[in-house]
Amino acid sequence: MRFPRPVRRLVQLYVGLALYGASMGLLVRASLGVMPWDVLHQGLARQLDRSLGTITVLVGALVLLAWVPLRQRPGLGTFSNVVVIGVAVDATLAVLPELGGLPLRIGLAVAGIALNAVATAAYIGVHLGPGPRDGLMTGLVRRTGGSVRVVRTAIEVAVVAVGWALGGTLGLATVAYALAIGPLVHLLLPRFAVRLPEPVPAQTAQATQVRVDGRAASRSAGMGRPQTSQTP
């Protein structure tokens, strides 16, 4: 099958991306700091007077262009990531009011981090392509030979620094997210990973085809032989 388990994978992909956008909205409303890339998104949104979702889509599209020299291959999940997350975060911010009390804001931040971990495991688990920002990281790792930790840290420090200079929110929730998201996704990913059929090795497939062709040839040869009369 070219696209095994399509219903499960598509539903999980788009639910995961929608929840990802919702988790971004929760962290914004908590006002205790946002995810590293969202520090940049938020700073740009304030400078350009655009919605956070609009900037998220535009930055995602620009990052996707950086895949070209890195020779990364996008998937359906990659393009969907660019659009769906931006729409979802704007929808969440439209219906979720700002909260005043610190305990409520802390609870909102914790919920946002936990929901983001679930959403990340959900959309990664369908194997339909990484998000633009993750693909940028893996592409740079492959081209530079650096470690994932070093390259990812360098990218996130850069976007946080630029975003903070532009007016993005950097706070305790940003640090908590950076520390917690990796272990949480590692814990949740096995529960959301969709098992796909293992590809048939090329040698096995070739041997199978040879046997099939051989049987077909034998049947054809048998049908072509003159029939011998059994009547005495």
Protein backbone atom coordinates (compact mmCIF):
# COMPACT_ATOMS: atom_id res chain seq x y z
CA MET A 1 0.00 0.00 0.00
CA ARG A 2 1.28 3.45 -0.87
CA PHE A 3 -0.53 5.17 2.04
CA PRO A 4 -1.32 2.63 4.78
CA ARG A 5 -3.88 3.40 7.52
CA PRO A 6 -5.00 6.70 5.96
CA VAL A 7 -7.99 7.48 8.21
CA ARG A 8 -6.14 6.99 11.50
CA ARG A 9 -3.10 8.92 10.31
CA LEU A 10 -4.96 11.88 8.80
CA VAL A 11 -7.28 12.29 11.78
CA GLN A 12 -4.38 12.08 14.23
CA LEU A 13 -2.30 14.49 12.15
CA TYR A 14 -4.88 17.27 12.01
CA VAL A 15 -6.08 16.81 15.59
CA GLY A 16 -2.46 16.94 16.73
CA LEU A 17 -1.73 20.10 14.77
CA ALA A 18 -4.91 21.78 16.03
CA LEU A 19 -3.98 20.91 19.63
CA TYR A 20 -0.48 22.24 19.02
CA GLY A 21 -1.93 25.62 18.03
CA ALA A 22 -4.24 25.53 21.04
CA SER A 23 -1.29 24.86 23.37
CA MET A 24 0.46 27.90 21.96
CA GLY A 25 -2.62 29.98 22.79
CA LEU A 26 -2.66 28.67 26.37
CA LEU A 27 0.94 29.71 26.91
CA VAL A 28 0.31 33.16 25.42
CA ARG A 29 -2.66 33.75 27.74
CA ALA A 30 -0.64 32.56 30.74
CA SER A 31 1.72 35.51 30.16
CA LEU A 32 4.60 33.68 31.80
CA GLY A 33 6.66 33.14 28.66
CA VAL A 34 6.02 31.26 25.46
CA MET A 35 7.75 28.51 23.48
CA PRO A 36 11.16 29.45 22.02
CA TRP A 37 9.97 29.89 18.43
CA ASP A 38 6.89 31.74 19.67
CA VAL A 39 9.10 34.37 21.29
CA LEU A 40 10.13 35.24 17.74
CA HIS A 41 6.57 34.93 16.40
CA GLN A 42 5.22 37.14 19.17
CA GLY A 43 7.91 39.77 18.70
CA LEU A 44 7.31 39.94 14.96
CA ALA A 45 3.54 40.07 15.47
CA ARG A 46 3.91 43.08 17.75
CA GLN A 47 6.29 44.89 15.41
CA LEU A 48 4.27 44.19 12.26
CA ASP A 49 0.84 44.55 13.90
CA ARG A 50 -0.33 41.15 12.69
CA SER A 51 -1.94 38.24 14.50
CA LEU A 52 0.26 35.58 16.06
CA GLY A 53 -1.25 32.96 13.77
CA THR A 54 -0.50 34.97 10.64
CA ILE A 55 3.13 35.43 11.65
CA THR A 56 3.41 31.75 12.55
CA VAL A 57 2.27 30.80 9.06
CA LEU A 58 4.60 33.29 7.37
CA VAL A 59 7.64 32.22 9.40
CA GLY A 60 6.82 28.57 8.76
CA ALA A 61 6.70 29.23 5.02
CA LEU A 62 10.03 31.09 5.08
CA VAL A 63 11.68 28.33 7.10
CA LEU A 64 10.34 25.82 4.59
CA LEU A 65 12.15 27.70 1.83
CA ALA A 66 15.39 27.14 3.75
CA TRP A 67 14.85 23.42 3.19
CA VAL A 68 15.72 23.82 -0.50
CA PRO A 69 19.51 24.24 -0.11
CA LEU A 70 19.44 21.64 2.69
CA ARG A 71 17.75 19.16 0.32
CA GLN A 72 15.09 18.24 2.83
CA ARG A 73 11.92 16.55 1.55
CA PRO A 74 8.63 17.84 2.96
CA GLY A 75 5.59 15.66 3.47
CA LEU A 76 1.87 16.25 3.87
CA GLY A 77 2.43 16.85 7.56
CA THR A 78 5.01 19.53 6.78
CA PHE A 79 2.69 21.65 4.64
CA SER A 80 -0.24 21.05 6.99
CA ASN A 81 1.90 22.18 9.92
CA VAL A 82 2.50 25.56 8.28
CA VAL A 83 -1.21 26.35 7.92
CA VAL A 84 -3.16 24.48 10.60
CA ILE A 85 -1.12 25.59 13.61
CA GLY A 86 -1.45 29.26 12.68
CA VAL A 87 -5.21 28.99 12.24
CA ALA A 88 -5.58 27.07 15.51
CA VAL A 89 -3.60 29.52 17.64
CA ASP A 90 -5.62 32.50 16.38
CA ALA A 91 -8.88 30.60 17.02
CA THR A 92 -7.74 29.77 20.57
CA LEU A 93 -6.75 33.35 21.35
CA ALA A 94 -10.10 34.56 20.01
CA VAL A 95 -12.10 32.50 22.53
CA LEU A 96 -9.72 32.35 25.53
CA PRO A 97 -9.68 35.50 27.67
CA GLU A 98 -6.68 36.77 29.59
CA LEU A 99 -6.45 35.57 33.18
CA GLY A 100 -5.49 37.74 36.14
CA GLY A 101 -4.59 35.49 39.05
CA LEU A 102 -1.10 34.01 39.20
CA PRO A 103 -2.27 30.50 40.23
CA LEU A 104 -4.60 30.37 37.21
CA ARG A 105 -1.84 31.55 34.92
CA ILE A 106 0.57 28.92 36.27
CA GLY A 107 -2.09 26.26 35.74
CA LEU A 108 -2.64 27.52 32.20
CA ALA A 109 1.10 27.36 31.48
CA VAL A 110 1.36 23.81 32.82
CA ALA A 111 -1.66 22.77 30.75
CA GLY A 112 -0.14 24.40 27.67
CA ILE A 113 3.16 22.53 28.04
CA ALA A 114 1.40 19.20 28.67
CA LEU A 115 -0.99 19.70 25.74
CA ASN A 116 1.90 20.63 23.48
CA ALA A 117 3.68 17.38 24.36
CA VAL A 118 0.55 15.38 23.47
CA ALA A 119 0.12 17.31 20.23
CA THR A 120 3.78 16.89 19.24
CA ALA A 121 3.71 13.13 19.86
CA ALA A 122 0.45 12.87 17.92
CA TYR A 123 1.60 14.59 14.74
CA ILE A 124 5.10 13.09 14.77
CA GLY A 125 3.65 9.63 15.33
CA VAL A 126 1.83 9.52 11.99
CA HIS A 127 5.09 9.65 9.96
CA LEU A 128 3.85 12.22 7.43
CA GLY A 129 6.79 14.61 7.55
CA PRO A 130 8.34 16.88 10.20
CA GLY A 131 7.34 20.47 10.82
CA PRO A 132 9.31 23.19 9.03
CA ARG A 133 11.32 24.13 12.12
CA ASP A 134 12.19 20.53 13.01
CA GLY A 135 13.17 19.87 9.40
CA LEU A 136 15.48 22.90 9.46
CA MET A 137 17.19 21.46 12.51
CA THR A 138 17.60 17.95 11.09
CA GLY A 139 18.78 19.37 7.75
CA LEU A 140 21.47 21.45 9.44
CA VAL A 141 22.53 18.43 11.50
CA ARG A 142 22.92 16.37 8.33
CA ARG A 143 24.80 19.07 6.41
CA THR A 144 27.07 20.27 9.22
CA GLY A 145 27.67 16.99 11.00
CA GLY A 146 26.87 18.61 14.35
CA SER A 147 24.90 16.96 17.12
CA VAL A 148 21.13 17.39 17.39
CA ARG A 149 21.48 18.98 20.83
CA VAL A 150 24.03 21.58 19.72
CA VAL A 151 22.23 22.54 16.50
CA ARG A 152 18.80 22.71 18.13
CA THR A 153 20.12 24.76 21.04
CA ALA A 154 21.87 27.19 18.69
CA ILE A 155 18.72 27.70 16.62
CA GLU A 156 16.46 28.20 19.63
CA VAL A 157 18.87 30.56 21.39
CA ALA A 158 19.05 32.65 18.19
CA VAL A 159 15.26 32.84 17.67
CA VAL A 160 14.66 33.59 21.35
CA ALA A 161 17.25 36.38 21.35
CA VAL A 162 15.83 38.00 18.21
CA GLY A 163 12.24 37.54 19.38
CA TRP A 164 12.95 38.99 22.83
CA ALA A 165 14.64 42.01 21.25
CA LEU A 166 11.50 42.53 19.15
CA GLY A 167 9.23 42.40 22.20
CA GLY A 168 8.41 38.70 22.53
CA THR A 169 7.61 37.26 25.96
CA LEU A 170 10.46 35.35 27.59
CA GLY A 171 9.77 33.95 31.03
CA LEU A 172 9.69 30.99 33.38
CA ALA A 173 7.28 29.08 31.14
CA THR A 174 9.82 29.34 28.30
CA VAL A 175 12.46 27.68 30.46
CA ALA A 176 9.99 25.09 31.79
CA TYR A 177 8.96 24.23 28.24
CA ALA A 178 12.57 23.82 27.09
CA LEU A 179 13.32 21.48 29.99
CA ALA A 180 10.12 19.43 29.97
CA ILE A 181 9.09 19.01 26.35
CA GLY A 182 11.78 16.50 25.37
CA PRO A 183 11.15 14.00 28.18
CA LEU A 184 7.37 14.35 27.84
CA VAL A 185 7.37 13.68 24.09
CA HIS A 186 9.76 10.75 24.61
CA LEU A 187 7.28 9.29 27.10
CA LEU A 188 4.19 9.87 24.95
CA LEU A 189 5.48 9.05 21.47
CA PRO A 190 5.21 5.24 21.78
CA ARG A 191 1.52 5.64 22.65
CA PHE A 192 0.80 7.71 19.54
CA ALA A 193 3.16 6.15 17.00
CA VAL A 194 1.23 4.50 14.17
CA ARG A 195 2.65 1.14 13.17
CA LEU A 196 3.23 0.93 9.46
CA PRO A 197 3.87 -2.20 7.37
CA GLU A 198 7.55 -2.90 7.05
CA PRO A 199 8.85 -2.42 3.49
CA VAL A 200 9.68 -5.62 1.67
CA PRO A 201 13.47 -5.88 1.06
CA ALA A 202 14.42 -5.45 -2.59
CA GLN A 203 16.04 -8.90 -2.82
CA THR A 204 12.98 -10.61 -1.33
CA ALA A 205 10.65 -8.76 -3.66
CA GLN A 206 12.82 -9.65 -6.65
CA ALA A 207 12.94 -13.33 -5.67
CA THR A 208 9.18 -13.39 -5.24
CA GLN A 209 8.69 -11.84 -8.67
CA VAL A 210 11.05 -14.39 -10.23
CA ARG A 211 9.04 -17.24 -8.71
CA VAL A 212 5.78 -15.76 -9.93
CA ASP A 213 7.18 -15.24 -13.42
CA GLY A 214 8.55 -18.79 -13.42
CA ARG A 215 5.19 -20.27 -12.50
CA ALA A 216 3.46 -18.22 -15.13
CA ALA A 217 5.96 -19.36 -17.75
CA SER A 218 5.49 -23.01 -16.76
CA ARG A 219 1.73 -22.73 -17.07
CA SER A 220 2.07 -21.09 -20.47
CA ALA A 221 4.46 -23.81 -21.68
CA GLY A 222 2.09 -26.52 -20.47
CA MET A 223 -0.83 -24.95 -22.27
CA GLY A 224 1.23 -24.76 -25.47
CA ARG A 225 2.16 -28.48 -25.61
CA PRO A 226 0.21 -30.68 -28.07
CA GLN A 227 -2.28 -32.91 -26.25
CA THR A 228 -1.63 -36.65 -26.51
CA SER A 229 -4.66 -38.83 -27.11
CA GLN A 230 -5.34 -41.30 -24.32
CA THR A 231 -7.77 -43.38 -26.42
CA PRO A 232 -6.31 -46.80 -27.43
